[in-house]
Amino acid sequence: LSDPNTDTKERGATLEILSVIAMHDPSLVRKYFLDYSHAASTMLLSKTTEGASPQRHLPPPKPNDAREVLFHCPPDDLLLALLFVMATETDAGLLLQTSEIVRIILDTEMMGGGNGG
């Protein structure tokens, strides 16, 4: 998803698979997000030297020759990949599909059952 060279059909197929997984079990995708975030923060904290305060800081991106700042994210960071699609995609269908996936994943009302009323 985060590769800017993929075409609309590839992104559409990937988003379709992800939407089926998210509709079936959104907690699975939430767990993946949290596990990835925990692993990334643990890796960043382990790289800090002793005595230095642990920081989660990435250098700011540099603009290219056309004075454009490109959005880069690791290929295995699913949350950033979804945000990348929402920030860069121009196809309305893919934007709608991506926003629906994010809505399903972030909707926690389905987790605990209803009020019964």
PDB file of N, CA and C in Angstrom:
ATOM      1  N   LEU A   1       0.803  -1.203   0.000  1.00  0.00           N
ATOM      2  CA  LEU A   1       0.000   0.000   0.000  1.00  0.00           C
ATOM      3  C   LEU A   1       0.848   1.271   0.000  1.00  0.00           C
ATOM      4  N   SER A   2       1.980   1.227   0.667  1.00  0.00           N
ATOM      5  CA  SER A   2       2.766   2.450   0.793  1.00  0.00           C
ATOM      6  C   SER A   2       3.731   2.668  -0.355  1.00  0.00           C
ATOM      7  N   ASP A   3       3.748   1.765  -1.328  1.00  0.00           N
ATOM      8  CA  ASP A   3       4.616   1.930  -2.488  1.00  0.00           C
ATOM      9  C   ASP A   3       3.948   2.872  -3.485  1.00  0.00           C
ATOM     10  N   PRO A   4       4.580   4.032  -3.763  1.00  0.00           N
ATOM     11  CA  PRO A   4       3.941   4.982  -4.681  1.00  0.00           C
ATOM     12  C   PRO A   4       3.883   4.489  -6.122  1.00  0.00           C
ATOM     13  N   ASN A   5       4.579   3.412  -6.445  1.00  0.00           N
ATOM     14  CA  ASN A   5       4.605   2.913  -7.821  1.00  0.00           C
ATOM     15  C   ASN A   5       3.536   1.868  -8.108  1.00  0.00           C
ATOM     16  N   THR A   6       2.725   1.502  -7.124  1.00  0.00           N
ATOM     17  CA  THR A   6       1.669   0.517  -7.379  1.00  0.00           C
ATOM     18  C   THR A   6       0.515   1.176  -8.121  1.00  0.00           C
ATOM     19  N   ASP A   7      -0.167   0.385  -8.927  1.00  0.00           N
ATOM     20  CA  ASP A   7      -1.292   0.945  -9.672  1.00  0.00           C
ATOM     21  C   ASP A   7      -2.593   0.775  -8.895  1.00  0.00           C
ATOM     22  N   THR A   8      -3.651   1.326  -9.426  1.00  0.00           N
ATOM     23  CA  THR A   8      -4.946   1.346  -8.753  1.00  0.00           C
ATOM     24  C   THR A   8      -5.499  -0.052  -8.551  1.00  0.00           C
ATOM     25  N   LYS A   9      -5.305  -0.941  -9.507  1.00  0.00           N
ATOM     26  CA  LYS A   9      -5.821  -2.302  -9.384  1.00  0.00           C
ATOM     27  C   LYS A   9      -5.159  -3.052  -8.231  1.00  0.00           C
ATOM     28  N   GLU A  10      -3.835  -2.899  -8.097  1.00  0.00           N
ATOM     29  CA  GLU A  10      -3.127  -3.569  -7.001  1.00  0.00           C
ATOM     30  C   GLU A  10      -3.574  -3.031  -5.647  1.00  0.00           C
ATOM     31  N   ARG A  11      -3.688  -1.715  -5.535  1.00  0.00           N
ATOM     32  CA  ARG A  11      -4.147  -1.126  -4.274  1.00  0.00           C
ATOM     33  C   ARG A  11      -5.584  -1.542  -3.978  1.00  0.00           C
ATOM     34  N   GLY A  12      -6.411  -1.569  -4.992  1.00  0.00           N
ATOM     35  CA  GLY A  12      -7.800  -1.974  -4.803  1.00  0.00           C
ATOM     36  C   GLY A  12      -7.913  -3.402  -4.308  1.00  0.00           C
ATOM     37  N   ALA A  13      -7.118  -4.308  -4.882  1.00  0.00           N
ATOM     38  CA  ALA A  13      -7.144  -5.707  -4.442  1.00  0.00           C
ATOM     39  C   ALA A  13      -6.642  -5.837  -3.008  1.00  0.00           C
ATOM     40  N   THR A  14      -5.589  -5.118  -2.680  1.00  0.00           N
ATOM     41  CA  THR A  14      -5.048  -5.161  -1.321  1.00  0.00           C
ATOM     42  C   THR A  14      -6.053  -4.609  -0.320  1.00  0.00           C
ATOM     43  N   LEU A  15      -6.688  -3.498  -0.670  1.00  0.00           N
ATOM     44  CA  LEU A  15      -7.680  -2.911   0.227  1.00  0.00           C
ATOM     45  C   LEU A  15      -8.906  -3.802   0.362  1.00  0.00           C
ATOM     46  N   GLU A  16      -9.271  -4.512  -0.692  1.00  0.00           N
ATOM     47  CA  GLU A  16     -10.411  -5.431  -0.617  1.00  0.00           C
ATOM     48  C   GLU A  16     -10.118  -6.570   0.355  1.00  0.00           C
ATOM     49  N   ILE A  17      -8.924  -7.132   0.285  1.00  0.00           N
ATOM     50  CA  ILE A  17      -8.533  -8.198   1.215  1.00  0.00           C
ATOM     51  C   ILE A  17      -8.518  -7.674   2.644  1.00  0.00           C
ATOM     52  N   LEU A  18      -7.946  -6.500   2.837  1.00  0.00           N
ATOM     53  CA  LEU A  18      -7.872  -5.914   4.172  1.00  0.00           C
ATOM     54  C   LEU A  18      -9.262  -5.576   4.707  1.00  0.00           C
ATOM     55  N   SER A  19     -10.166  -5.126   3.846  1.00  0.00           N
ATOM     56  CA  SER A  19     -11.517  -4.801   4.316  1.00  0.00           C
ATOM     57  C   SER A  19     -12.259  -6.052   4.755  1.00  0.00           C
ATOM     58  N   VAL A  20     -12.069  -7.165   4.071  1.00  0.00           N
ATOM     59  CA  VAL A  20     -12.717  -8.415   4.479  1.00  0.00           C
ATOM     60  C   VAL A  20     -12.185  -8.851   5.842  1.00  0.00           C
ATOM     61  N   ILE A  21     -10.876  -8.751   6.042  1.00  0.00           N
ATOM     62  CA  ILE A  21     -10.290  -9.104   7.339  1.00  0.00           C
ATOM     63  C   ILE A  21     -10.804  -8.168   8.423  1.00  0.00           C
ATOM     64  N   ALA A  22     -10.846  -6.875   8.134  1.00  0.00           N
ATOM     65  CA  ALA A  22     -11.301  -5.896   9.131  1.00  0.00           C
ATOM     66  C   ALA A  22     -12.772  -6.091   9.473  1.00  0.00           C
ATOM     67  N   MET A  23     -13.601  -6.421   8.499  1.00  0.00           N
ATOM     68  CA  MET A  23     -15.020  -6.648   8.785  1.00  0.00           C
ATOM     69  C   MET A  23     -15.226  -7.928   9.583  1.00  0.00           C
ATOM     70  N   HIS A  24     -14.413  -8.941   9.296  1.00  0.00           N
ATOM     71  CA  HIS A  24     -14.549 -10.212  10.001  1.00  0.00           C
ATOM     72  C   HIS A  24     -14.075 -10.109  11.446  1.00  0.00           C
ATOM     73  N   ASP A  25     -12.902  -9.500  11.666  1.00  0.00           N
ATOM     74  CA  ASP A  25     -12.345  -9.415  13.010  1.00  0.00           C
ATOM     75  C   ASP A  25     -11.492  -8.156  13.144  1.00  0.00           C
ATOM     76  N   PRO A  26     -12.097  -6.995  13.424  1.00  0.00           N
ATOM     77  CA  PRO A  26     -11.322  -5.756  13.545  1.00  0.00           C
ATOM     78  C   PRO A  26     -10.322  -5.781  14.694  1.00  0.00           C
ATOM     79  N   SER A  27     -10.593  -6.583  15.723  1.00  0.00           N
ATOM     80  CA  SER A  27      -9.653  -6.644  16.843  1.00  0.00           C
ATOM     81  C   SER A  27      -8.328  -7.276  16.420  1.00  0.00           C
ATOM     82  N   LEU A  28      -8.362  -8.146  15.429  1.00  0.00           N
ATOM     83  CA  LEU A  28      -7.126  -8.742  14.906  1.00  0.00           C
ATOM     84  C   LEU A  28      -6.240  -7.663  14.284  1.00  0.00           C
ATOM     85  N   VAL A  29      -6.842  -6.768  13.527  1.00  0.00           N
ATOM     86  CA  VAL A  29      -6.071  -5.690  12.895  1.00  0.00           C
ATOM     87  C   VAL A  29      -5.592  -4.701  13.959  1.00  0.00           C
ATOM     88  N   ARG A  30      -6.443  -4.386  14.946  1.00  0.00           N
ATOM     89  CA  ARG A  30      -6.017  -3.508  16.046  1.00  0.00           C
ATOM     90  C   ARG A  30      -4.831  -4.099  16.786  1.00  0.00           C
ATOM     91  N   LYS A  31      -4.877  -5.415  17.047  1.00  0.00           N
ATOM     92  CA  LYS A  31      -3.772  -6.085  17.743  1.00  0.00           C
ATOM     93  C   LYS A  31      -2.490  -5.997  16.915  1.00  0.00           C
ATOM     94  N   TYR A  32      -2.604  -6.168  15.600  1.00  0.00           N
ATOM     95  CA  TYR A  32      -1.424  -6.054  14.740  1.00  0.00           C
ATOM     96  C   TYR A  32      -0.841  -4.642  14.829  1.00  0.00           C
ATOM     97  N   PHE A  33      -1.708  -3.609  14.794  1.00  0.00           N
ATOM     98  CA  PHE A  33      -1.240  -2.226  14.917  1.00  0.00           C
ATOM     99  C   PHE A  33      -0.484  -2.023  16.226  1.00  0.00           C
ATOM    100  N   LEU A  34      -1.067  -2.486  17.313  1.00  0.00           N
ATOM    101  CA  LEU A  34      -0.449  -2.291  18.622  1.00  0.00           C
ATOM    102  C   LEU A  34       0.841  -3.092  18.773  1.00  0.00           C
ATOM    103  N   ASP A  35       0.853  -4.333  18.275  1.00  0.00           N
ATOM    104  CA  ASP A  35       2.074  -5.142  18.337  1.00  0.00           C
ATOM    105  C   ASP A  35       3.195  -4.507  17.528  1.00  0.00           C
ATOM    106  N   TYR A  36       2.856  -3.998  16.339  1.00  0.00           N
ATOM    107  CA  TYR A  36       3.876  -3.353  15.513  1.00  0.00           C
ATOM    108  C   TYR A  36       4.394  -2.089  16.198  1.00  0.00           C
ATOM    109  N   SER A  37       3.502  -1.299  16.757  1.00  0.00           N
ATOM    110  CA  SER A  37       3.897  -0.077  17.445  1.00  0.00           C
ATOM    111  C   SER A  37       4.786  -0.387  18.639  1.00  0.00           C
ATOM    112  N   HIS A  38       4.423  -1.419  19.395  1.00  0.00           N
ATOM    113  CA  HIS A  38       5.233  -1.799  20.561  1.00  0.00           C
ATOM    114  C   HIS A  38       6.617  -2.289  20.122  1.00  0.00           C
ATOM    115  N   ALA A  39       6.667  -3.104  19.073  1.00  0.00           N
ATOM    116  CA  ALA A  39       7.947  -3.611  18.591  1.00  0.00           C
ATOM    117  C   ALA A  39       8.822  -2.480  18.055  1.00  0.00           C
ATOM    118  N   ALA A  40       8.213  -1.533  17.343  1.00  0.00           N
ATOM    119  CA  ALA A  40       8.985  -0.409  16.803  1.00  0.00           C
ATOM    120  C   ALA A  40       9.513   0.478  17.919  1.00  0.00           C
ATOM    121  N   SER A  41       8.694   0.741  18.940  1.00  0.00           N
ATOM    122  CA  SER A  41       9.155   1.591  20.035  1.00  0.00           C
ATOM    123  C   SER A  41      10.206   0.877  20.867  1.00  0.00           C
ATOM    124  N   THR A  42      10.088  -0.434  21.046  1.00  0.00           N
ATOM    125  CA  THR A  42      11.098  -1.195  21.766  1.00  0.00           C
ATOM    126  C   THR A  42      12.421  -1.162  21.021  1.00  0.00           C
ATOM    127  N   MET A  43      12.352  -1.287  19.689  1.00  0.00           N
ATOM    128  CA  MET A  43      13.564  -1.244  18.886  1.00  0.00           C
ATOM    129  C   MET A  43      14.222   0.130  18.981  1.00  0.00           C
ATOM    130  N   LEU A  44      13.432   1.201  18.936  1.00  0.00           N
ATOM    131  CA  LEU A  44      13.996   2.546  19.045  1.00  0.00           C
ATOM    132  C   LEU A  44      14.593   2.786  20.422  1.00  0.00           C
ATOM    133  N   LEU A  45      13.928   2.288  21.460  1.00  0.00           N
ATOM    134  CA  LEU A  45      14.444   2.478  22.813  1.00  0.00           C
ATOM    135  C   LEU A  45      15.711   1.679  23.049  1.00  0.00           C
ATOM    136  N   SER A  46      15.838   0.505  22.428  1.00  0.00           N
ATOM    137  CA  SER A  46      17.030  -0.299  22.626  1.00  0.00           C
ATOM    138  C   SER A  46      18.238   0.293  21.907  1.00  0.00           C
ATOM    139  N   LYS A  47      18.003   1.143  20.909  1.00  0.00           N
ATOM    140  CA  LYS A  47      19.102   1.760  20.181  1.00  0.00           C
ATOM    141  C   LYS A  47      19.681   2.968  20.911  1.00  0.00           C
ATOM    142  N   THR A  48      18.977   3.483  21.909  1.00  0.00           N
ATOM    143  CA  THR A  48      19.504   4.637  22.633  1.00  0.00           C
ATOM    144  C   THR A  48      20.653   4.198  23.518  1.00  0.00           C
ATOM    145  N   THR A  49      21.582   5.059  23.700  1.00  0.00           N
ATOM    146  CA  THR A  49      22.734   4.733  24.543  1.00  0.00           C
ATOM    147  C   THR A  49      22.361   4.899  26.002  1.00  0.00           C
ATOM    148  N   GLU A  50      23.092   4.236  26.850  1.00  0.00           N
ATOM    149  CA  GLU A  50      22.807   4.336  28.278  1.00  0.00           C
ATOM    150  C   GLU A  50      23.142   5.733  28.760  1.00  0.00           C
ATOM    151  N   GLY A  51      22.316   6.253  29.631  1.00  0.00           N
ATOM    152  CA  GLY A  51      22.517   7.595  30.141  1.00  0.00           C
ATOM    153  C   GLY A  51      21.800   8.649  29.330  1.00  0.00           C
ATOM    154  N   ALA A  52      21.461   8.349  28.104  1.00  0.00           N
ATOM    155  CA  ALA A  52      20.728   9.305  27.265  1.00  0.00           C
ATOM    156  C   ALA A  52      19.237   9.057  27.449  1.00  0.00           C
ATOM    157  N   SER A  53      18.484  10.112  27.358  1.00  0.00           N
ATOM    158  CA  SER A  53      17.043   9.948  27.512  1.00  0.00           C
ATOM    159  C   SER A  53      16.479   9.309  26.245  1.00  0.00           C
ATOM    160  N   PRO A  54      15.611   8.296  26.398  1.00  0.00           N
ATOM    161  CA  PRO A  54      15.045   7.652  25.206  1.00  0.00           C
ATOM    162  C   PRO A  54      14.110   8.599  24.485  1.00  0.00           C
ATOM    163  N   GLN A  55      14.299   8.724  23.174  1.00  0.00           N
ATOM    164  CA  GLN A  55      13.463   9.598  22.359  1.00  0.00           C
ATOM    165  C   GLN A  55      12.959   8.835  21.153  1.00  0.00           C
ATOM    166  N   ARG A  56      11.767   9.134  20.786  1.00  0.00           N
ATOM    167  CA  ARG A  56      11.203   8.563  19.565  1.00  0.00           C
ATOM    168  C   ARG A  56      11.135   9.686  18.549  1.00  0.00           C
ATOM    169  N   HIS A  57      12.266   9.975  17.936  1.00  0.00           N
ATOM    170  CA  HIS A  57      12.354  11.124  17.051  1.00  0.00           C
ATOM    171  C   HIS A  57      12.933  10.691  15.713  1.00  0.00           C
ATOM    172  N   LEU A  58      12.255  11.045  14.673  1.00  0.00           N
ATOM    173  CA  LEU A  58      12.743  10.795  13.321  1.00  0.00           C
ATOM    174  C   LEU A  58      13.105  12.127  12.700  1.00  0.00           C
ATOM    175  N   PRO A  59      14.146  12.164  11.879  1.00  0.00           N
ATOM    176  CA  PRO A  59      14.496  13.433  11.247  1.00  0.00           C
ATOM    177  C   PRO A  59      13.412  13.869  10.277  1.00  0.00           C
ATOM    178  N   PRO A  60      13.235  15.176  10.105  1.00  0.00           N
ATOM    179  CA  PRO A  60      12.214  15.640   9.170  1.00  0.00           C
ATOM    180  C   PRO A  60      12.581  15.266   7.734  1.00  0.00           C
ATOM    181  N   PRO A  61      11.582  15.013   6.889  1.00  0.00           N
ATOM    182  CA  PRO A  61      11.885  14.649   5.503  1.00  0.00           C
ATOM    183  C   PRO A  61      12.429  15.832   4.722  1.00  0.00           C
ATOM    184  N   LYS A  62      13.260  15.542   3.754  1.00  0.00           N
ATOM    185  CA  LYS A  62      13.851  16.568   2.897  1.00  0.00           C
ATOM    186  C   LYS A  62      13.067  16.662   1.593  1.00  0.00           C
ATOM    187  N   PRO A  63      12.821  17.855   1.087  1.00  0.00           N
ATOM    188  CA  PRO A  63      12.109  17.974  -0.191  1.00  0.00           C
ATOM    189  C   PRO A  63      12.992  17.535  -1.357  1.00  0.00           C
ATOM    190  N   ASN A  64      12.353  17.068  -2.425  1.00  0.00           N
ATOM    191  CA  ASN A  64      13.102  16.671  -3.618  1.00  0.00           C
ATOM    192  C   ASN A  64      13.354  17.893  -4.500  1.00  0.00           C
ATOM    193  N   ASP A  65      13.817  17.661  -5.733  1.00  0.00           N
ATOM    194  CA  ASP A  65      14.149  18.771  -6.635  1.00  0.00           C
ATOM    195  C   ASP A  65      12.934  19.614  -7.006  1.00  0.00           C
ATOM    196  N   ALA A  66      11.755  19.013  -6.994  1.00  0.00           N
ATOM    197  CA  ALA A  66      10.532  19.746  -7.323  1.00  0.00           C
ATOM    198  C   ALA A  66       9.915  20.384  -6.079  1.00  0.00           C
ATOM    199  N   ARG A  67      10.662  20.437  -5.014  1.00  0.00           N
ATOM    200  CA  ARG A  67      10.241  21.010  -3.726  1.00  0.00           C
ATOM    201  C   ARG A  67       9.012  20.304  -3.157  1.00  0.00           C
ATOM    202  N   GLU A  68       8.944  18.977  -3.388  1.00  0.00           N
ATOM    203  CA  GLU A  68       7.885  18.152  -2.841  1.00  0.00           C
ATOM    204  C   GLU A  68       8.448  17.341  -1.682  1.00  0.00           C
ATOM    205  N   VAL A  69       7.694  17.248  -0.619  1.00  0.00           N
ATOM    206  CA  VAL A  69       8.088  16.410   0.506  1.00  0.00           C
ATOM    207  C   VAL A  69       7.348  15.086   0.356  1.00  0.00           C
ATOM    208  N   LEU A  70       8.113  14.020   0.284  1.00  0.00           N
ATOM    209  CA  LEU A  70       7.524  12.705   0.067  1.00  0.00           C
ATOM    210  C   LEU A  70       7.269  12.009   1.394  1.00  0.00           C
ATOM    211  N   PHE A  71       6.156  11.320   1.476  1.00  0.00           N
ATOM    212  CA  PHE A  71       5.745  10.594   2.668  1.00  0.00           C
ATOM    213  C   PHE A  71       6.313   9.193   2.583  1.00  0.00           C
ATOM    214  N   HIS A  72       7.196   8.850   3.501  1.00  0.00           N
ATOM    215  CA  HIS A  72       7.786   7.514   3.512  1.00  0.00           C
ATOM    216  C   HIS A  72       7.351   6.784   4.769  1.00  0.00           C
ATOM    217  N   CYS A  73       7.052   5.514   4.637  1.00  0.00           N
ATOM    218  CA  CYS A  73       6.755   4.698   5.800  1.00  0.00           C
ATOM    219  C   CYS A  73       7.305   3.300   5.555  1.00  0.00           C
ATOM    220  N   PRO A  74       7.621   2.592   6.627  1.00  0.00           N
ATOM    221  CA  PRO A  74       8.125   1.229   6.467  1.00  0.00           C
ATOM    222  C   PRO A  74       7.099   0.354   5.752  1.00  0.00           C
ATOM    223  N   PRO A  75       7.536  -0.608   4.964  1.00  0.00           N
ATOM    224  CA  PRO A  75       6.595  -1.424   4.195  1.00  0.00           C
ATOM    225  C   PRO A  75       5.701  -2.315   5.055  1.00  0.00           C
ATOM    226  N   ASP A  76       6.082  -2.570   6.304  1.00  0.00           N
ATOM    227  CA  ASP A  76       5.277  -3.442   7.145  1.00  0.00           C
ATOM    228  C   ASP A  76       4.435  -2.685   8.177  1.00  0.00           C
ATOM    229  N   ASP A  77       4.400  -1.346   8.094  1.00  0.00           N
ATOM    230  CA  ASP A  77       3.579  -0.551   9.000  1.00  0.00           C
ATOM    231  C   ASP A  77       2.223  -0.309   8.339  1.00  0.00           C
ATOM    232  N   LEU A  78       1.241  -1.097   8.721  1.00  0.00           N
ATOM    233  CA  LEU A  78      -0.053  -1.075   8.063  1.00  0.00           C
ATOM    234  C   LEU A  78      -0.818   0.217   8.316  1.00  0.00           C
ATOM    235  N   LEU A  79      -0.754   0.734   9.538  1.00  0.00           N
ATOM    236  CA  LEU A  79      -1.465   1.967   9.847  1.00  0.00           C
ATOM    237  C   LEU A  79      -0.927   3.141   9.034  1.00  0.00           C
ATOM    238  N   LEU A  80       0.393   3.280   8.973  1.00  0.00           N
ATOM    239  CA  LEU A  80       0.973   4.356   8.164  1.00  0.00           C
ATOM    240  C   LEU A  80       0.682   4.156   6.681  1.00  0.00           C
ATOM    241  N   ALA A  81       0.625   2.905   6.243  1.00  0.00           N
ATOM    242  CA  ALA A  81       0.299   2.644   4.837  1.00  0.00           C
ATOM    243  C   ALA A  81      -1.126   3.091   4.515  1.00  0.00           C
ATOM    244  N   LEU A  82      -2.059   2.845   5.434  1.00  0.00           N
ATOM    245  CA  LEU A  82      -3.430   3.311   5.216  1.00  0.00           C
ATOM    246  C   LEU A  82      -3.492   4.836   5.201  1.00  0.00           C
ATOM    247  N   LEU A  83      -2.752   5.469   6.101  1.00  0.00           N
ATOM    248  CA  LEU A  83      -2.707   6.936   6.107  1.00  0.00           C
ATOM    249  C   LEU A  83      -2.044   7.469   4.841  1.00  0.00           C
ATOM    250  N   PHE A  84      -1.050   6.755   4.332  1.00  0.00           N
ATOM    251  CA  PHE A  84      -0.398   7.144   3.082  1.00  0.00           C
ATOM    252  C   PHE A  84      -1.399   7.122   1.936  1.00  0.00           C
ATOM    253  N   VAL A  85      -2.203   6.080   1.870  1.00  0.00           N
ATOM    254  CA  VAL A  85      -3.218   5.993   0.811  1.00  0.00           C
ATOM    255  C   VAL A  85      -4.206   7.141   0.940  1.00  0.00           C
ATOM    256  N   MET A  86      -4.626   7.440   2.170  1.00  0.00           N
ATOM    257  CA  MET A  86      -5.584   8.531   2.367  1.00  0.00           C
ATOM    258  C   MET A  86      -4.983   9.891   2.014  1.00  0.00           C
ATOM    259  N   ALA A  87      -3.670  10.040   2.187  1.00  0.00           N
ATOM    260  CA  ALA A  87      -3.027  11.323   1.918  1.00  0.00           C
ATOM    261  C   ALA A  87      -2.661  11.518   0.454  1.00  0.00           C
ATOM    262  N   THR A  88      -2.434  10.435  -0.272  1.00  0.00           N
ATOM    263  CA  THR A  88      -1.891  10.585  -1.621  1.00  0.00           C
ATOM    264  C   THR A  88      -2.803  10.107  -2.742  1.00  0.00           C
ATOM    265  N   GLU A  89      -3.771   9.281  -2.432  1.00  0.00           N
ATOM    266  CA  GLU A  89      -4.591   8.685  -3.484  1.00  0.00           C
ATOM    267  C   GLU A  89      -5.577   9.704  -4.047  1.00  0.00           C
ATOM    268  N   THR A  90      -5.784   9.656  -5.356  1.00  0.00           N
ATOM    269  CA  THR A  90      -6.734  10.551  -6.014  1.00  0.00           C
ATOM    270  C   THR A  90      -8.000   9.820  -6.457  1.00  0.00           C
ATOM    271  N   ASP A  91      -7.976   8.498  -6.464  1.00  0.00           N
ATOM    272  CA  ASP A  91      -9.141   7.719  -6.868  1.00  0.00           C
ATOM    273  C   ASP A  91     -10.165   7.720  -5.738  1.00  0.00           C
ATOM    274  N   ALA A  92     -11.368   8.191  -6.029  1.00  0.00           N
ATOM    275  CA  ALA A  92     -12.398   8.319  -4.993  1.00  0.00           C
ATOM    276  C   ALA A  92     -12.819   6.969  -4.423  1.00  0.00           C
ATOM    277  N   GLY A  93     -12.835   5.937  -5.253  1.00  0.00           N
ATOM    278  CA  GLY A  93     -13.211   4.611  -4.776  1.00  0.00           C
ATOM    279  C   GLY A  93     -12.231   4.067  -3.752  1.00  0.00           C
ATOM    280  N   LEU A  94     -10.943   4.239  -4.029  1.00  0.00           N
ATOM    281  CA  LEU A  94      -9.928   3.770  -3.084  1.00  0.00           C
ATOM    282  C   LEU A  94      -9.931   4.588  -1.802  1.00  0.00           C
ATOM    283  N   LEU A  95     -10.190   5.894  -1.930  1.00  0.00           N
ATOM    284  CA  LEU A  95     -10.272   6.729  -0.729  1.00  0.00           C
ATOM    285  C   LEU A  95     -11.451   6.307   0.142  1.00  0.00           C
ATOM    286  N   LEU A  96     -12.592   6.035  -0.480  1.00  0.00           N
ATOM    287  CA  LEU A  96     -13.765   5.596   0.264  1.00  0.00           C
ATOM    288  C   LEU A  96     -13.503   4.257   0.942  1.00  0.00           C
ATOM    289  N   GLN A  97     -12.893   3.336   0.221  1.00  0.00           N
ATOM    290  CA  GLN A  97     -12.601   2.013   0.769  1.00  0.00           C
ATOM    291  C   GLN A  97     -11.613   2.121   1.939  1.00  0.00           C
ATOM    292  N   THR A  98     -10.594   2.956   1.787  1.00  0.00           N
ATOM    293  CA  THR A  98      -9.603   3.130   2.852  1.00  0.00           C
ATOM    294  C   THR A  98     -10.226   3.769   4.078  1.00  0.00           C
ATOM    295  N   SER A  99     -11.025   4.793   3.886  1.00  0.00           N
ATOM    296  CA  SER A  99     -11.655   5.444   5.041  1.00  0.00           C
ATOM    297  C   SER A  99     -12.634   4.505   5.735  1.00  0.00           C
ATOM    298  N   GLU A 100     -13.295   3.644   4.988  1.00  0.00           N
ATOM    299  CA  GLU A 100     -14.204   2.670   5.596  1.00  0.00           C
ATOM    300  C   GLU A 100     -13.431   1.639   6.420  1.00  0.00           C
ATOM    301  N   ILE A 101     -12.278   1.211   5.925  1.00  0.00           N
ATOM    302  CA  ILE A 101     -11.433   0.278   6.677  1.00  0.00           C
ATOM    303  C   ILE A 101     -10.975   0.917   7.984  1.00  0.00           C
ATOM    304  N   VAL A 102     -10.520   2.152   7.919  1.00  0.00           N
ATOM    305  CA  VAL A 102     -10.062   2.848   9.127  1.00  0.00           C
ATOM    306  C   VAL A 102     -11.232   3.026  10.097  1.00  0.00           C
ATOM    307  N   ARG A 103     -12.411   3.346   9.587  1.00  0.00           N
ATOM    308  CA  ARG A 103     -13.580   3.512  10.451  1.00  0.00           C
ATOM    309  C   ARG A 103     -13.922   2.205  11.155  1.00  0.00           C
ATOM    310  N   ILE A 104     -13.904   1.108  10.425  1.00  0.00           N
ATOM    311  CA  ILE A 104     -14.219  -0.206  11.010  1.00  0.00           C
ATOM    312  C   ILE A 104     -13.200  -0.559  12.088  1.00  0.00           C
ATOM    313  N   ILE A 105     -11.943  -0.315  11.809  1.00  0.00           N
ATOM    314  CA  ILE A 105     -10.890  -0.676  12.759  1.00  0.00           C
ATOM    315  C   ILE A 105     -10.961   0.182  14.020  1.00  0.00           C
ATOM    316  N   LEU A 106     -11.268   1.463  13.864  1.00  0.00           N
ATOM    317  CA  LEU A 106     -11.294   2.362  15.015  1.00  0.00           C
ATOM    318  C   LEU A 106     -12.612   2.326  15.786  1.00  0.00           C
ATOM    319  N   ASP A 107     -13.642   1.728  15.226  1.00  0.00           N
ATOM    320  CA  ASP A 107     -14.941   1.667  15.888  1.00  0.00           C
ATOM    321  C   ASP A 107     -14.898   0.614  16.984  1.00  0.00           C
ATOM    322  N   THR A 108     -14.824   1.070  18.226  1.00  0.00           N
ATOM    323  CA  THR A 108     -14.737   0.136  19.349  1.00  0.00           C
ATOM    324  C   THR A 108     -16.091  -0.170  19.960  1.00  0.00           C
ATOM    325  N   GLU A 109     -17.165   0.432  19.487  1.00  0.00           N
ATOM    326  CA  GLU A 109     -18.493   0.157  20.028  1.00  0.00           C
ATOM    327  C   GLU A 109     -18.916  -1.285  19.742  1.00  0.00           C
ATOM    328  N   MET A 110     -18.392  -1.869  18.690  1.00  0.00           N
ATOM    329  CA  MET A 110     -18.736  -3.246  18.355  1.00  0.00           C
ATOM    330  C   MET A 110     -18.032  -4.235  19.275  1.00  0.00           C
ATOM    331  N   MET A 111     -17.049  -3.797  20.043  1.00  0.00           N
ATOM    332  CA  MET A 111     -16.260  -4.706  20.865  1.00  0.00           C
ATOM    333  C   MET A 111     -17.003  -5.235  22.089  1.00  0.00           C
ATOM    334  N   GLY A 112     -17.619  -4.336  22.861  1.00  0.00           N
ATOM    335  CA  GLY A 112     -18.130  -4.726  24.159  1.00  0.00           C
ATOM    336  C   GLY A 112     -19.593  -5.073  24.204  1.00  0.00           C
ATOM    337  N   GLY A 113     -20.272  -5.192  23.111  1.00  0.00           N
ATOM    338  CA  GLY A 113     -21.706  -5.453  23.131  1.00  0.00           C
ATOM    339  C   GLY A 113     -22.474  -4.173  23.373  1.00  0.00           C
ATOM    340  N   GLY A 114     -23.755  -4.234  23.220  1.00  0.00           N
ATOM    341  CA  GLY A 114     -24.583  -3.035  23.344  1.00  0.00           C
ATOM    342  C   GLY A 114     -25.097  -2.830  24.749  1.00  0.00           C
ATOM    343  N   ASN A 115     -25.864  -1.763  24.907  1.00  0.00           N
ATOM    344  CA  ASN A 115     -26.473  -1.452  26.191  1.00  0.00           C
ATOM    345  C   ASN A 115     -27.732  -2.281  26.421  1.00  0.00           C
ATOM    346  N   GLY A 116     -28.186  -2.917  25.364  1.00  0.00           N
ATOM    347  CA  GLY A 116     -29.379  -3.726  25.479  1.00  0.00           C
ATOM    348  C   GLY A 116     -30.664  -2.919  25.303  1.00  0.00           C
ATOM    349  N   GLY A 117     -30.536  -1.664  24.852  1.00  0.00           N
ATOM    350  CA  GLY A 117     -31.740  -0.893  24.810  1.00  0.00           C
ATOM    351  C   GLY A 117     -32.005  -0.228  23.544  1.00  0.00           C
TER     352      GLY A 117
END
